[in-house]
Amino acid sequence: MILLCSLFSVYILAVNFYAFCSIRTMRDEEQKNDKKLLLLSAMGGTATLFAAMLLLRYRTGSMFLMIVLPLLAVINVYCAYLGFQGILLLR
């Protein structure tokens, strides 16, 4: 059970770290890759993507992303909560 919780935690941390690094490199190279941002947000890094976009002042030309990212952030945080809650209930 501890192994499952540890793997889930490492996965979430890894996706969020990669999301932050990808926003930073996209900002430095001045490229806009909306498909990559949507894929990272679907994997569980939406909260970090949205926070990094605000923190690093990364501007995307897509209004769709600016509407969908906060909604996906709420869904991802809720799914992570349910994931940890389910892992802890299996004891």
C-alpha atoms as a PDB file:
ATOM      1  CA  MET A   1       0.000   0.000   0.000  1.00  0.00           C
ATOM      2  CA  ILE A   2       2.856   2.339   0.802  1.00  0.00           C
ATOM      3  CA  LEU A   3       4.403   1.510  -2.551  1.00  0.00           C
ATOM      4  CA  LEU A   4       1.206   2.464  -4.395  1.00  0.00           C
ATOM      5  CA  CYS A   5       0.935   5.763  -2.550  1.00  0.00           C
ATOM      6  CA  SER A   6       4.612   6.495  -3.205  1.00  0.00           C
ATOM      7  CA  LEU A   7       4.284   5.726  -6.912  1.00  0.00           C
ATOM      8  CA  PHE A   8       1.225   7.948  -7.231  1.00  0.00           C
ATOM      9  CA  SER A   9       3.029  10.784  -5.429  1.00  0.00           C
ATOM     10  CA  VAL A  10       6.146  10.451  -7.580  1.00  0.00           C
ATOM     11  CA  TYR A  11       4.019  10.425 -10.749  1.00  0.00           C
ATOM     12  CA  ILE A  12       2.184  13.610  -9.780  1.00  0.00           C
ATOM     13  CA  LEU A  13       5.435  15.344  -8.784  1.00  0.00           C
ATOM     14  CA  ALA A  14       7.185  14.285 -11.998  1.00  0.00           C
ATOM     15  CA  VAL A  15       4.361  15.499 -14.242  1.00  0.00           C
ATOM     16  CA  ASN A  16       4.192  18.821 -12.406  1.00  0.00           C
ATOM     17  CA  PHE A  17       7.972  19.308 -12.588  1.00  0.00           C
ATOM     18  CA  TYR A  18       7.966  18.545 -16.310  1.00  0.00           C
ATOM     19  CA  ALA A  19       5.046  20.925 -16.852  1.00  0.00           C
ATOM     20  CA  PHE A  20       6.899  23.772 -15.150  1.00  0.00           C
ATOM     21  CA  CYS A  21      10.090  23.088 -17.114  1.00  0.00           C
ATOM     22  CA  SER A  22       8.216  22.914 -20.404  1.00  0.00           C
ATOM     23  CA  ILE A  23       6.511  26.277 -19.788  1.00  0.00           C
ATOM     24  CA  ARG A  24       9.884  27.814 -18.995  1.00  0.00           C
ATOM     25  CA  THR A  25      11.497  26.455 -22.168  1.00  0.00           C
ATOM     26  CA  MET A  26       8.515  27.465 -24.314  1.00  0.00           C
ATOM     27  CA  ARG A  27       8.746  30.988 -22.924  1.00  0.00           C
ATOM     28  CA  ASP A  28      12.500  31.198 -23.519  1.00  0.00           C
ATOM     29  CA  GLU A  29      12.266  29.838 -27.064  1.00  0.00           C
ATOM     30  CA  GLU A  30       9.119  31.874 -27.795  1.00  0.00           C
ATOM     31  CA  GLN A  31       7.125  28.967 -29.153  1.00  0.00           C
ATOM     32  CA  LYS A  32       3.458  28.223 -28.748  1.00  0.00           C
ATOM     33  CA  ASN A  33       2.581  24.540 -28.508  1.00  0.00           C
ATOM     34  CA  ASP A  34      -1.020  24.265 -27.370  1.00  0.00           C
ATOM     35  CA  LYS A  35      -1.228  20.506 -27.987  1.00  0.00           C
ATOM     36  CA  LYS A  36       1.654  19.846 -25.605  1.00  0.00           C
ATOM     37  CA  LEU A  37       0.024  22.016 -22.948  1.00  0.00           C
ATOM     38  CA  LEU A  38      -3.263  20.159 -23.282  1.00  0.00           C
ATOM     39  CA  LEU A  39      -1.493  16.795 -23.046  1.00  0.00           C
ATOM     40  CA  LEU A  40       0.406  17.833 -19.918  1.00  0.00           C
ATOM     41  CA  SER A  41      -2.751  19.162 -18.335  1.00  0.00           C
ATOM     42  CA  ALA A  42      -4.596  15.930 -19.052  1.00  0.00           C
ATOM     43  CA  MET A  43      -1.767  13.973 -17.427  1.00  0.00           C
ATOM     44  CA  GLY A  44      -2.216  15.832 -14.158  1.00  0.00           C
ATOM     45  CA  GLY A  45      -0.100  18.958 -14.362  1.00  0.00           C
ATOM     46  CA  THR A  46      -2.799  21.537 -14.898  1.00  0.00           C
ATOM     47  CA  ALA A  47      -2.406  23.402 -11.623  1.00  0.00           C
ATOM     48  CA  THR A  48       1.328  23.775 -12.192  1.00  0.00           C
ATOM     49  CA  LEU A  49       0.834  24.794 -15.829  1.00  0.00           C
ATOM     50  CA  PHE A  50      -1.627  27.491 -14.895  1.00  0.00           C
ATOM     51  CA  ALA A  51       0.496  28.765 -12.001  1.00  0.00           C
ATOM     52  CA  ALA A  52       3.665  28.725 -14.133  1.00  0.00           C
ATOM     53  CA  MET A  53       1.913  30.619 -16.918  1.00  0.00           C
ATOM     54  CA  LEU A  54       0.939  33.323 -14.447  1.00  0.00           C
ATOM     55  CA  LEU A  55       4.272  33.332 -12.607  1.00  0.00           C
ATOM     56  CA  LEU A  56       6.479  33.386 -15.713  1.00  0.00           C
ATOM     57  CA  ARG A  57       4.093  35.645 -17.652  1.00  0.00           C
ATOM     58  CA  TYR A  58       3.786  33.164 -20.501  1.00  0.00           C
ATOM     59  CA  ARG A  59       1.199  34.355 -22.975  1.00  0.00           C
ATOM     60  CA  THR A  60      -0.645  31.968 -25.219  1.00  0.00           C
ATOM     61  CA  GLY A  61      -2.687  33.076 -28.160  1.00  0.00           C
ATOM     62  CA  SER A  62      -5.419  30.581 -27.414  1.00  0.00           C
ATOM     63  CA  MET A  63      -8.426  31.752 -25.448  1.00  0.00           C
ATOM     64  CA  PHE A  64      -9.505  28.116 -25.290  1.00  0.00           C
ATOM     65  CA  LEU A  65      -6.520  27.258 -23.071  1.00  0.00           C
ATOM     66  CA  MET A  66      -7.144  30.173 -20.754  1.00  0.00           C
ATOM     67  CA  ILE A  67     -10.699  28.961 -20.202  1.00  0.00           C
ATOM     68  CA  VAL A  68      -9.996  25.218 -20.037  1.00  0.00           C
ATOM     69  CA  LEU A  69      -6.880  25.223 -17.805  1.00  0.00           C
ATOM     70  CA  PRO A  70      -8.609  26.483 -14.621  1.00  0.00           C
ATOM     71  CA  LEU A  71     -11.433  24.001 -15.141  1.00  0.00           C
ATOM     72  CA  LEU A  72      -8.991  21.137 -15.664  1.00  0.00           C
ATOM     73  CA  ALA A  73      -7.023  22.280 -12.601  1.00  0.00           C
ATOM     74  CA  VAL A  74     -10.076  21.819 -10.403  1.00  0.00           C
ATOM     75  CA  ILE A  75     -10.777  18.409 -11.930  1.00  0.00           C
ATOM     76  CA  ASN A  76      -7.147  17.273 -11.526  1.00  0.00           C
ATOM     77  CA  VAL A  77      -6.931  18.380  -7.903  1.00  0.00           C
ATOM     78  CA  TYR A  78     -10.191  16.597  -7.158  1.00  0.00           C
ATOM     79  CA  CYS A  79      -8.984  13.409  -8.902  1.00  0.00           C
ATOM     80  CA  ALA A  80      -5.702  13.530  -6.973  1.00  0.00           C
ATOM     81  CA  TYR A  81      -7.672  13.926  -3.753  1.00  0.00           C
ATOM     82  CA  LEU A  82      -9.851  10.941  -4.655  1.00  0.00           C
ATOM     83  CA  GLY A  83      -6.757   8.945  -5.613  1.00  0.00           C
ATOM     84  CA  PHE A  84      -5.051   9.556  -2.292  1.00  0.00           C
ATOM     85  CA  GLN A  85      -8.283   9.016  -0.409  1.00  0.00           C
ATOM     86  CA  GLY A  86      -8.876   5.701  -2.187  1.00  0.00           C
ATOM     87  CA  ILE A  87      -5.330   4.554  -1.518  1.00  0.00           C
ATOM     88  CA  LEU A  88      -5.677   5.373   2.154  1.00  0.00           C
ATOM     89  CA  LEU A  89      -9.052   3.609   2.406  1.00  0.00           C
ATOM     90  CA  LEU A  90      -7.608   0.357   1.046  1.00  0.00           C
ATOM     91  CA  ARG A  91      -5.590  -0.245   4.226  1.00  0.00           C
END
